[in-house]
Protein backbone atom coordinates (compact mmCIF):
# COMPACT_ATOMS: atom_id res chain seq x y z
CA UNK A 1 2.41 -52.76 7.46
CA UNK A 2 4.75 -55.67 6.72
CA UNK A 3 5.58 -56.86 3.21
CA UNK A 4 4.11 -60.36 3.62
CA UNK A 5 0.72 -59.83 1.98
CA UNK A 6 2.24 -57.73 -0.79
CA UNK A 7 4.74 -60.48 -1.59
CA UNK A 8 2.09 -63.21 -1.54
CA UNK A 9 -0.26 -61.28 -3.83
CA UNK A 10 2.53 -60.39 -6.26
CA UNK A 11 3.77 -63.99 -6.35
CA UNK A 12 0.24 -65.16 -7.18
CA UNK A 13 -0.19 -62.67 -10.03
CA UNK A 14 3.13 -63.62 -11.61
CA UNK A 15 2.38 -67.34 -11.21
CA UNK A 16 -1.02 -66.87 -12.87
CA UNK A 17 0.58 -64.93 -15.75
CA UNK A 18 3.00 -67.81 -16.37
CA UNK A 19 0.16 -70.33 -16.17
CA UNK A 20 -1.95 -68.37 -18.66
CA UNK A 21 0.97 -68.26 -21.09
CA UNK A 22 1.62 -71.99 -20.95
CA UNK A 23 -2.08 -72.81 -21.35
CA UNK A 24 -2.19 -70.69 -24.50
CA UNK A 25 0.65 -72.61 -26.17
CA UNK A 26 -0.65 -74.36 -29.29
CA UNK A 27 -0.45 -78.12 -29.61
CA UNK A 28 1.58 -79.23 -32.62
CA UNK A 29 -0.31 -80.95 -35.41
CA UNK A 30 1.57 -84.19 -35.87
CA UNK A 31 3.95 -86.41 -33.93
CA UNK A 32 7.31 -85.52 -35.48
CA UNK A 33 9.84 -82.84 -34.55
CA UNK A 34 9.05 -81.02 -37.76
CA UNK A 35 5.50 -80.51 -36.46
CA UNK A 36 6.99 -77.99 -34.02
CA UNK A 37 8.36 -75.85 -36.84
CA UNK A 38 5.19 -73.79 -37.39
CA UNK A 39 4.83 -73.21 -33.65
CA UNK A 40 8.44 -72.18 -33.11
CA UNK A 41 7.73 -68.38 -32.95
CA UNK A 42 5.10 -69.01 -30.27
CA UNK A 43 7.48 -71.20 -28.27
CA UNK A 44 10.32 -68.68 -28.53
CA UNK A 45 8.02 -65.84 -27.44
CA UNK A 46 6.94 -67.98 -24.48
CA UNK A 47 10.57 -68.68 -23.46
CA UNK A 48 11.44 -64.97 -23.60
CA UNK A 49 8.36 -63.96 -21.62
CA UNK A 50 8.90 -66.71 -19.06
CA UNK A 51 12.44 -65.39 -18.57
CA UNK A 52 11.15 -61.84 -18.10
CA UNK A 53 8.51 -62.86 -15.56
CA UNK A 54 11.14 -64.91 -13.73
CA UNK A 55 13.51 -61.92 -13.67
CA UNK A 56 10.80 -59.65 -12.27
CA UNK A 57 9.75 -62.23 -9.68
CA UNK A 58 13.36 -62.72 -8.54
CA UNK A 59 14.21 -59.01 -8.31
CA UNK A 60 10.86 -58.14 -6.72
CA UNK A 61 11.39 -60.85 -4.11
CA UNK A 62 14.86 -59.60 -3.22
CA UNK A 63 13.76 -55.96 -3.10
CA UNK A 64 10.92 -56.75 -0.70
CA UNK A 65 13.28 -58.82 1.47
CA UNK A 66 15.23 -55.60 1.97
CA UNK A 67 12.08 -53.56 2.64
CA UNK A 68 10.98 -53.02 6.25
CA UNK A 69 7.41 -51.86 5.63
CA UNK A 70 4.97 -50.84 2.91
CA UNK A 71 2.83 -47.74 2.60
CA UNK A 72 -0.30 -47.01 0.59
CA UNK A 73 1.82 -45.44 -2.15
CA UNK A 74 4.02 -48.53 -2.34
CA UNK A 75 0.91 -50.74 -2.59
CA UNK A 76 -0.41 -48.73 -5.53
CA UNK A 77 2.99 -48.66 -7.23
CA UNK A 78 3.16 -52.43 -6.85
CA UNK A 79 -0.30 -52.80 -8.43
CA UNK A 80 0.88 -50.56 -11.27
CA UNK A 81 3.82 -52.93 -11.86
CA UNK A 82 1.57 -56.00 -11.70
CA UNK A 83 -0.78 -54.43 -14.25
CA UNK A 84 1.98 -54.26 -16.85
CA UNK A 85 3.30 -57.71 -15.97
CA UNK A 86 -0.21 -59.13 -16.37
CA UNK A 87 -0.22 -57.88 -19.98
CA UNK A 88 2.84 -59.95 -20.89
CA UNK A 89 0.76 -63.08 -21.72
CA UNK A 90 -1.42 -61.01 -24.08
CA UNK A 91 1.49 -59.45 -25.99
CA UNK A 92 3.36 -62.78 -25.97
CA UNK A 93 0.43 -64.50 -27.65
CA UNK A 94 -0.01 -61.69 -30.17
CA UNK A 95 3.70 -61.67 -30.99
CA UNK A 96 4.05 -65.44 -31.35
CA UNK A 97 0.89 -66.10 -33.30
CA UNK A 98 1.72 -63.41 -35.86
CA UNK A 99 5.24 -64.70 -36.52
CA UNK A 100 7.06 -61.66 -35.15
CA UNK A 101 5.14 -58.98 -37.06
CA UNK A 102 6.12 -55.33 -36.55
CA UNK A 103 3.20 -53.98 -34.52
CA UNK A 104 2.96 -56.94 -32.10
CA UNK A 105 6.76 -56.77 -31.61
CA UNK A 106 6.52 -53.05 -30.84
CA UNK A 107 3.58 -53.62 -28.47
CA UNK A 108 5.60 -56.29 -26.68
CA UNK A 109 8.41 -53.78 -26.20
CA UNK A 110 6.01 -51.09 -24.98
CA UNK A 111 4.77 -53.45 -22.25
CA UNK A 112 8.38 -54.29 -21.28
CA UNK A 113 9.23 -50.58 -21.17
CA UNK A 114 6.16 -49.77 -19.05
CA UNK A 115 6.97 -52.63 -16.65
CA UNK A 116 10.56 -51.39 -16.29
CA UNK A 117 9.38 -47.86 -15.52
CA UNK A 118 6.79 -49.21 -13.07
CA UNK A 119 9.47 -51.23 -11.28
CA UNK A 120 11.68 -48.13 -11.09
CA UNK A 121 8.77 -46.16 -9.60
CA UNK A 122 8.18 -48.87 -6.98
CA UNK A 123 11.87 -48.93 -6.10
CA UNK A 124 11.96 -45.13 -5.87
CA UNK A 125 8.95 -45.00 -3.52
CA UNK A 126 10.50 -47.64 -1.26
CA UNK A 127 13.75 -45.68 -1.07
CA UNK A 128 11.87 -42.42 -0.45
CA UNK A 129 9.89 -44.01 2.38
CA UNK A 130 12.83 -45.77 4.02
CA UNK A 131 15.55 -43.21 3.42
CA UNK A 132 18.86 -42.94 1.63
CA UNK A 133 20.45 -45.16 4.25
CA UNK A 134 17.98 -47.99 3.65
CA UNK A 135 18.99 -51.47 2.53
CA UNK A 136 17.25 -51.01 -0.82
CA UNK A 137 19.07 -47.74 -1.54
CA UNK A 138 22.41 -49.23 -0.56
CA UNK A 139 21.84 -52.34 -2.66
CA UNK A 140 20.60 -50.54 -5.77
CA UNK A 141 23.68 -48.33 -5.99
CA UNK A 142 24.05 -46.72 -9.42
CA UNK A 143 21.53 -49.18 -10.91
CA UNK A 144 23.20 -49.36 -14.31
CA UNK A 145 21.05 -52.29 -15.44
CA UNK A 146 17.90 -50.47 -14.43
CA UNK A 147 18.92 -47.40 -16.43
CA UNK A 148 20.10 -49.35 -19.49
CA UNK A 149 16.98 -51.54 -19.84
CA UNK A 150 14.49 -48.78 -20.84
CA UNK A 151 16.97 -47.54 -23.45
CA UNK A 152 17.21 -51.04 -24.93
CA UNK A 153 13.41 -51.36 -24.96
CA UNK A 154 13.09 -48.06 -26.82
CA UNK A 155 15.69 -49.23 -29.35
CA UNK A 156 13.84 -52.53 -29.72
CA UNK A 157 10.51 -50.77 -30.25
CA UNK A 158 12.03 -48.59 -32.97
CA UNK A 159 13.79 -51.52 -34.64
CA UNK A 160 10.56 -53.52 -34.66
CA UNK A 161 9.31 -51.31 -37.50
CA UNK A 162 12.48 -52.01 -39.48
CA UNK A 163 12.71 -55.71 -38.62
CA UNK A 164 10.58 -57.30 -35.91
CA UNK A 165 13.22 -60.00 -35.50
CA UNK A 166 15.87 -57.37 -34.68
CA UNK A 167 13.52 -55.75 -32.17
CA UNK A 168 12.90 -59.06 -30.41
CA UNK A 169 16.65 -59.78 -30.39
CA UNK A 170 17.19 -56.50 -28.54
CA UNK A 171 14.54 -57.52 -25.98
CA UNK A 172 16.31 -60.87 -25.60
CA UNK A 173 19.65 -59.09 -25.08
CA UNK A 174 18.08 -56.99 -22.31
CA UNK A 175 16.81 -60.16 -20.66
CA UNK A 176 20.27 -61.75 -20.88
CA UNK A 177 21.74 -58.77 -19.04
CA UNK A 178 19.36 -59.45 -16.16
CA UNK A 179 19.85 -63.23 -16.26
CA UNK A 180 23.45 -62.73 -15.20
CA UNK A 181 23.11 -63.17 -11.43
CA UNK A 182 22.67 -59.82 -9.70
CA UNK A 183 23.32 -60.29 -6.03
CA UNK A 184 23.45 -56.64 -4.93
CA UNK A 185 20.42 -56.80 -2.66
CA UNK A 186 21.17 -60.33 -1.46
CA UNK A 187 24.72 -59.32 -0.48
CA UNK A 188 23.53 -56.13 1.22
CA UNK A 189 20.88 -57.96 3.27
CA UNK A 190 23.40 -60.65 4.25
CA UNK A 191 26.01 -58.05 5.20
CA UNK A 192 23.49 -56.22 7.40
CA UNK A 193 22.41 -59.49 9.03
CA UNK A 194 26.04 -60.44 9.72
CA UNK A 195 26.61 -57.03 11.28
CA UNK A 196 23.54 -57.35 13.48
CA UNK A 197 24.70 -60.77 14.70
CA UNK A 198 28.15 -59.41 15.47
CA UNK A 199 26.65 -56.59 17.55
CA UNK A 200 24.40 -58.95 19.51
C-alpha cells in the first residue's frame, strides 16, 4: 500500500502531542515578566520537547517521501514509534512541574531513547523491505547521528541521577545535533528525480 495514510495518521498524532503539551502549560500568576520565573522549567521542557517532536516529524516525513510502499510490519513499527512519541507530553509535564528532579529527568531520557530505537527499527524494516539499493538505504548512509543519539540519551539518563540539569543539557545537545539541517534523504530523492527526468 502507499504511504499516504501512514503519513496522515502520523502527522495527526504528532500534532495532537504538541497540542496537548501547549494546553498543559501553566498560566503565570501575575502580569510582570518576573511572574514567568516560577514557570521557567515548564517552559524550557516544552521548548525542548517541541524541538524533539519537530525533529521526528521532519525526519519521518522525509523518510516516507523516499519510501515506495508500506507493509504490515512497517505499519506496526510506525505505531511503536508513535507510542513513544505520544508519551513525550507526559514526561515533559512531569519533568517541568518537578523543577528538573532526577527521576522525571531520567524518565524523559528513557522515552527519548525508546523513541530513537523505535525510529531505527522503522527505518530498518523499510530498508529490509525495499532493499539495499533503495532510496532510504542510500540516504541513510552510515547514519552517524542515528547511532550517536542513543548513546547520548544513555549518558543523559545516567547523569540525571547525579544532576538532573546535566542530564537535560545532554538531551538538549542531542536535539541540537539533529536541528542542524540534515538533507541526506532530501538530496537523494532529488537526485533520483533528476535522473528520472534526464532518462525520460
